[in-house]
N, C-alpha and C. Protein backbone atom coordinates (compact mmCIF):
# COMPACT_ATOMS: atom_id res chain seq x y z
N MET A 1 15.42 11.26 -11.08
CA MET A 1 14.11 11.88 -11.21
C MET A 1 13.35 11.70 -9.90
N SER A 2 12.75 12.72 -9.41
CA SER A 2 12.00 12.69 -8.15
C SER A 2 10.67 11.97 -8.34
N THR A 3 10.29 11.18 -7.32
CA THR A 3 9.00 10.49 -7.39
C THR A 3 7.87 11.34 -6.83
N ASP A 4 8.18 12.54 -6.35
CA ASP A 4 7.17 13.40 -5.75
C ASP A 4 6.11 13.84 -6.76
N HIS A 5 6.48 13.93 -8.03
CA HIS A 5 5.54 14.42 -9.04
C HIS A 5 4.99 13.30 -9.90
N LYS A 6 5.29 12.06 -9.55
CA LYS A 6 4.81 10.90 -10.28
C LYS A 6 3.31 10.73 -10.02
N PRO A 7 2.51 10.41 -11.05
CA PRO A 7 1.09 10.20 -10.81
C PRO A 7 0.87 9.02 -9.88
N MET A 8 -0.21 9.07 -9.13
CA MET A 8 -0.55 7.96 -8.24
C MET A 8 -1.00 6.81 -9.12
N THR A 9 -0.13 5.86 -9.35
CA THR A 9 -0.34 4.80 -10.33
C THR A 9 -1.65 4.05 -10.12
N ALA A 10 -1.92 3.58 -8.92
CA ALA A 10 -3.14 2.79 -8.69
C ALA A 10 -4.39 3.61 -8.96
N VAL A 11 -4.42 4.83 -8.48
CA VAL A 11 -5.58 5.71 -8.70
C VAL A 11 -5.72 5.99 -10.19
N HIS A 12 -4.61 6.31 -10.85
CA HIS A 12 -4.62 6.59 -12.28
C HIS A 12 -5.14 5.38 -13.05
N ASP A 13 -4.67 4.17 -12.71
CA ASP A 13 -5.09 2.96 -13.40
C ASP A 13 -6.58 2.71 -13.23
N VAL A 14 -7.10 2.90 -12.03
CA VAL A 14 -8.53 2.69 -11.78
C VAL A 14 -9.34 3.66 -12.63
N MET A 15 -8.94 4.91 -12.65
CA MET A 15 -9.71 5.93 -13.35
C MET A 15 -9.61 5.79 -14.88
N HIS A 16 -8.56 5.13 -15.37
CA HIS A 16 -8.37 5.02 -16.81
C HIS A 16 -8.54 3.59 -17.32
N GLY A 17 -9.16 2.72 -16.51
CA GLY A 17 -9.52 1.40 -16.97
C GLY A 17 -8.38 0.39 -17.08
N ALA A 18 -7.21 0.69 -16.56
CA ALA A 18 -6.06 -0.22 -16.67
C ALA A 18 -5.87 -1.03 -15.40
N PHE A 19 -6.88 -1.09 -14.58
CA PHE A 19 -6.77 -1.72 -13.26
C PHE A 19 -7.28 -3.16 -13.31
N ASP A 20 -6.54 -4.06 -12.68
CA ASP A 20 -6.95 -5.46 -12.58
C ASP A 20 -7.58 -5.69 -11.21
N PRO A 21 -8.89 -5.98 -11.14
CA PRO A 21 -9.55 -6.17 -9.86
C PRO A 21 -8.96 -7.32 -9.04
N LYS A 22 -8.26 -8.25 -9.69
CA LYS A 22 -7.61 -9.34 -8.96
C LYS A 22 -6.49 -8.82 -8.07
N ASN A 23 -6.08 -7.59 -8.30
CA ASN A 23 -5.03 -6.95 -7.51
C ASN A 23 -5.56 -6.48 -6.15
N LEU A 24 -6.89 -6.46 -5.99
CA LEU A 24 -7.51 -6.08 -4.72
C LEU A 24 -7.52 -7.27 -3.78
N MET A 25 -7.17 -7.04 -2.54
CA MET A 25 -7.23 -8.13 -1.57
C MET A 25 -7.52 -7.61 -0.18
N LEU A 26 -8.12 -8.48 0.61
CA LEU A 26 -8.34 -8.16 2.02
C LEU A 26 -6.99 -8.14 2.73
N PRO A 27 -6.88 -7.34 3.77
CA PRO A 27 -5.60 -7.29 4.50
C PRO A 27 -5.11 -8.67 4.94
N ARG A 28 -5.99 -9.54 5.40
CA ARG A 28 -5.54 -10.88 5.85
C ARG A 28 -4.94 -11.68 4.69
N ASP A 29 -5.47 -11.49 3.49
CA ASP A 29 -4.93 -12.20 2.33
C ASP A 29 -3.61 -11.59 1.86
N TYR A 30 -3.48 -10.28 2.04
CA TYR A 30 -2.24 -9.60 1.67
C TYR A 30 -1.05 -10.16 2.45
N LEU A 31 -1.27 -10.57 3.68
CA LEU A 31 -0.19 -11.07 4.53
C LEU A 31 0.46 -12.34 3.98
N GLN A 32 -0.28 -13.14 3.25
CA GLN A 32 0.24 -14.41 2.73
C GLN A 32 1.41 -14.13 1.79
N GLY A 33 2.56 -14.70 2.13
CA GLY A 33 3.76 -14.48 1.34
C GLY A 33 4.54 -13.25 1.75
N ARG A 34 4.02 -12.50 2.71
CA ARG A 34 4.71 -11.28 3.16
C ARG A 34 4.98 -11.31 4.67
N GLU A 35 5.00 -12.53 5.22
CA GLU A 35 5.21 -12.70 6.66
C GLU A 35 6.59 -12.19 7.09
N HIS A 36 7.53 -12.13 6.16
CA HIS A 36 8.86 -11.61 6.49
C HIS A 36 8.85 -10.09 6.70
N ILE A 37 7.80 -9.45 6.25
CA ILE A 37 7.66 -7.99 6.44
C ILE A 37 6.74 -7.72 7.61
N PHE A 38 5.54 -8.28 7.55
CA PHE A 38 4.55 -8.11 8.60
C PHE A 38 4.36 -9.46 9.29
N GLN A 39 4.88 -9.59 10.47
CA GLN A 39 4.89 -10.89 11.14
C GLN A 39 3.56 -11.25 11.79
N SER A 40 2.62 -10.30 11.78
CA SER A 40 1.30 -10.58 12.33
C SER A 40 0.29 -9.63 11.69
N SER A 41 -0.98 -9.97 11.85
CA SER A 41 -2.02 -9.07 11.33
C SER A 41 -1.99 -7.75 12.09
N GLU A 42 -1.63 -7.78 13.36
CA GLU A 42 -1.54 -6.53 14.14
C GLU A 42 -0.43 -5.63 13.60
N SER A 43 0.67 -6.22 13.17
CA SER A 43 1.76 -5.45 12.58
C SER A 43 1.29 -4.73 11.32
N LEU A 44 0.54 -5.43 10.48
CA LEU A 44 -0.01 -4.81 9.27
C LEU A 44 -1.00 -3.72 9.63
N ARG A 45 -1.88 -3.97 10.62
CA ARG A 45 -2.85 -2.95 11.04
C ARG A 45 -2.13 -1.70 11.56
N TRP A 46 -1.04 -1.89 12.32
CA TRP A 46 -0.27 -0.74 12.82
C TRP A 46 0.31 0.05 11.65
N PHE A 47 0.87 -0.64 10.67
CA PHE A 47 1.45 0.05 9.51
C PHE A 47 0.38 0.86 8.79
N ILE A 48 -0.80 0.28 8.61
CA ILE A 48 -1.89 0.99 7.93
C ILE A 48 -2.33 2.20 8.75
N ARG A 49 -2.50 2.02 10.06
CA ARG A 49 -2.90 3.16 10.92
C ARG A 49 -1.85 4.28 10.87
N SER A 50 -0.59 3.89 10.93
CA SER A 50 0.50 4.86 10.99
C SER A 50 0.70 5.60 9.67
N ASN A 51 0.28 5.00 8.57
CA ASN A 51 0.55 5.57 7.25
C ASN A 51 -0.71 5.75 6.41
N ARG A 52 -1.86 5.80 7.06
CA ARG A 52 -3.15 5.83 6.36
C ARG A 52 -3.22 6.93 5.29
N THR A 53 -2.85 8.14 5.64
CA THR A 53 -2.95 9.25 4.69
C THR A 53 -2.12 8.99 3.45
N GLU A 54 -0.88 8.56 3.64
CA GLU A 54 0.01 8.29 2.51
C GLU A 54 -0.50 7.11 1.68
N LEU A 55 -0.98 6.07 2.33
CA LEU A 55 -1.50 4.91 1.61
C LEU A 55 -2.73 5.27 0.79
N MET A 56 -3.59 6.10 1.33
CA MET A 56 -4.78 6.54 0.59
C MET A 56 -4.37 7.43 -0.58
N ARG A 57 -3.41 8.31 -0.36
CA ARG A 57 -2.94 9.20 -1.43
C ARG A 57 -2.39 8.39 -2.60
N ARG A 58 -1.75 7.29 -2.29
CA ARG A 58 -1.14 6.46 -3.32
C ARG A 58 -2.15 5.51 -3.97
N GLY A 59 -3.36 5.44 -3.45
CA GLY A 59 -4.35 4.51 -3.97
C GLY A 59 -4.08 3.07 -3.55
N ALA A 60 -3.35 2.89 -2.44
CA ALA A 60 -3.00 1.55 -1.96
C ALA A 60 -4.10 0.95 -1.09
N ILE A 61 -5.02 1.79 -0.60
CA ILE A 61 -6.17 1.34 0.18
C ILE A 61 -7.42 1.87 -0.50
N VAL A 62 -8.38 0.99 -0.72
CA VAL A 62 -9.66 1.38 -1.32
C VAL A 62 -10.78 0.68 -0.55
N ALA A 63 -11.98 1.13 -0.77
CA ALA A 63 -13.14 0.50 -0.12
C ALA A 63 -14.28 0.44 -1.13
N PRO A 64 -14.16 -0.41 -2.16
CA PRO A 64 -15.16 -0.42 -3.23
C PRO A 64 -16.55 -0.84 -2.78
N ALA A 65 -16.64 -1.68 -1.77
CA ALA A 65 -17.94 -2.14 -1.29
C ALA A 65 -18.12 -1.80 0.18
N GLY A 66 -17.41 -0.78 0.64
CA GLY A 66 -17.55 -0.33 2.01
C GLY A 66 -16.63 -1.00 3.01
N ARG A 67 -15.79 -1.92 2.55
CA ARG A 67 -14.80 -2.49 3.47
C ARG A 67 -13.41 -2.32 2.88
N LYS A 68 -12.46 -2.14 3.76
CA LYS A 68 -11.10 -1.82 3.35
C LYS A 68 -10.46 -2.98 2.60
N MET A 69 -9.89 -2.64 1.45
CA MET A 69 -9.12 -3.61 0.67
C MET A 69 -7.81 -2.95 0.27
N LEU A 70 -6.82 -3.78 0.03
CA LEU A 70 -5.52 -3.27 -0.37
C LEU A 70 -5.31 -3.52 -1.85
N VAL A 71 -4.71 -2.56 -2.53
CA VAL A 71 -4.31 -2.70 -3.92
C VAL A 71 -2.87 -3.20 -3.86
N ALA A 72 -2.69 -4.50 -4.08
CA ALA A 72 -1.44 -5.17 -3.75
C ALA A 72 -0.19 -4.50 -4.33
N ASP A 73 -0.17 -4.20 -5.62
CA ASP A 73 1.06 -3.63 -6.18
C ASP A 73 1.33 -2.23 -5.64
N ALA A 74 0.30 -1.42 -5.46
CA ALA A 74 0.48 -0.08 -4.91
C ALA A 74 0.90 -0.15 -3.44
N PHE A 75 0.33 -1.11 -2.71
CA PHE A 75 0.67 -1.27 -1.30
C PHE A 75 2.11 -1.75 -1.16
N ASP A 76 2.51 -2.72 -2.00
CA ASP A 76 3.90 -3.19 -1.98
C ASP A 76 4.88 -2.04 -2.21
N GLN A 77 4.59 -1.22 -3.21
CA GLN A 77 5.47 -0.08 -3.52
C GLN A 77 5.52 0.89 -2.35
N ALA A 78 4.38 1.13 -1.74
CA ALA A 78 4.32 2.03 -0.58
C ALA A 78 5.14 1.47 0.58
N VAL A 79 5.06 0.17 0.81
CA VAL A 79 5.82 -0.45 1.89
C VAL A 79 7.32 -0.21 1.68
N VAL A 80 7.78 -0.42 0.47
CA VAL A 80 9.21 -0.23 0.17
C VAL A 80 9.61 1.24 0.35
N GLU A 81 8.84 2.15 -0.20
CA GLU A 81 9.21 3.56 -0.15
C GLU A 81 9.06 4.15 1.25
N ILE A 82 8.01 3.81 1.96
CA ILE A 82 7.84 4.29 3.34
C ILE A 82 8.94 3.69 4.21
N GLY A 83 9.24 2.41 3.99
CA GLY A 83 10.32 1.76 4.74
C GLY A 83 11.67 2.40 4.48
N ALA A 84 11.92 2.79 3.24
CA ALA A 84 13.19 3.44 2.91
C ALA A 84 13.31 4.80 3.61
N LYS A 85 12.22 5.55 3.64
CA LYS A 85 12.23 6.84 4.34
C LYS A 85 12.46 6.65 5.83
N ARG A 86 11.79 5.64 6.40
CA ARG A 86 11.96 5.35 7.82
C ARG A 86 13.40 4.93 8.12
N ALA A 87 13.99 4.11 7.26
CA ALA A 87 15.38 3.68 7.44
C ALA A 87 16.34 4.87 7.38
N ALA A 88 16.07 5.80 6.46
CA ALA A 88 16.93 6.99 6.35
C ALA A 88 16.85 7.83 7.62
N LEU A 89 15.67 7.94 8.19
CA LEU A 89 15.51 8.70 9.42
C LEU A 89 16.24 8.04 10.59
N LEU A 90 16.30 6.72 10.56
CA LEU A 90 16.98 5.97 11.63
C LEU A 90 18.49 5.88 11.40
N GLY A 91 18.93 6.34 10.22
CA GLY A 91 20.34 6.28 9.90
C GLY A 91 20.79 4.88 9.52
N ALA A 92 19.86 4.08 9.06
CA ALA A 92 20.18 2.68 8.70
C ALA A 92 20.94 2.62 7.39
């Protein structure tokens, strides 16, 4: 089954009350436990800049109080799927 037509889970959850606000975190907090993926805060910032449109479409980045926060589970899923696409392009 293609994931292209799957609803944006994080956005859907927020709009339908199934969202856990504890899932929101600042980018610096998101890095904790994920150093094997993003070895520095600059690496995470580059990933966000490079994939901003896709991350916003997926509901992985929000700004509830005017500052950027990450929706951890949606962001994790985006990292895996964007990484898989990038690996396929590289022939990995």
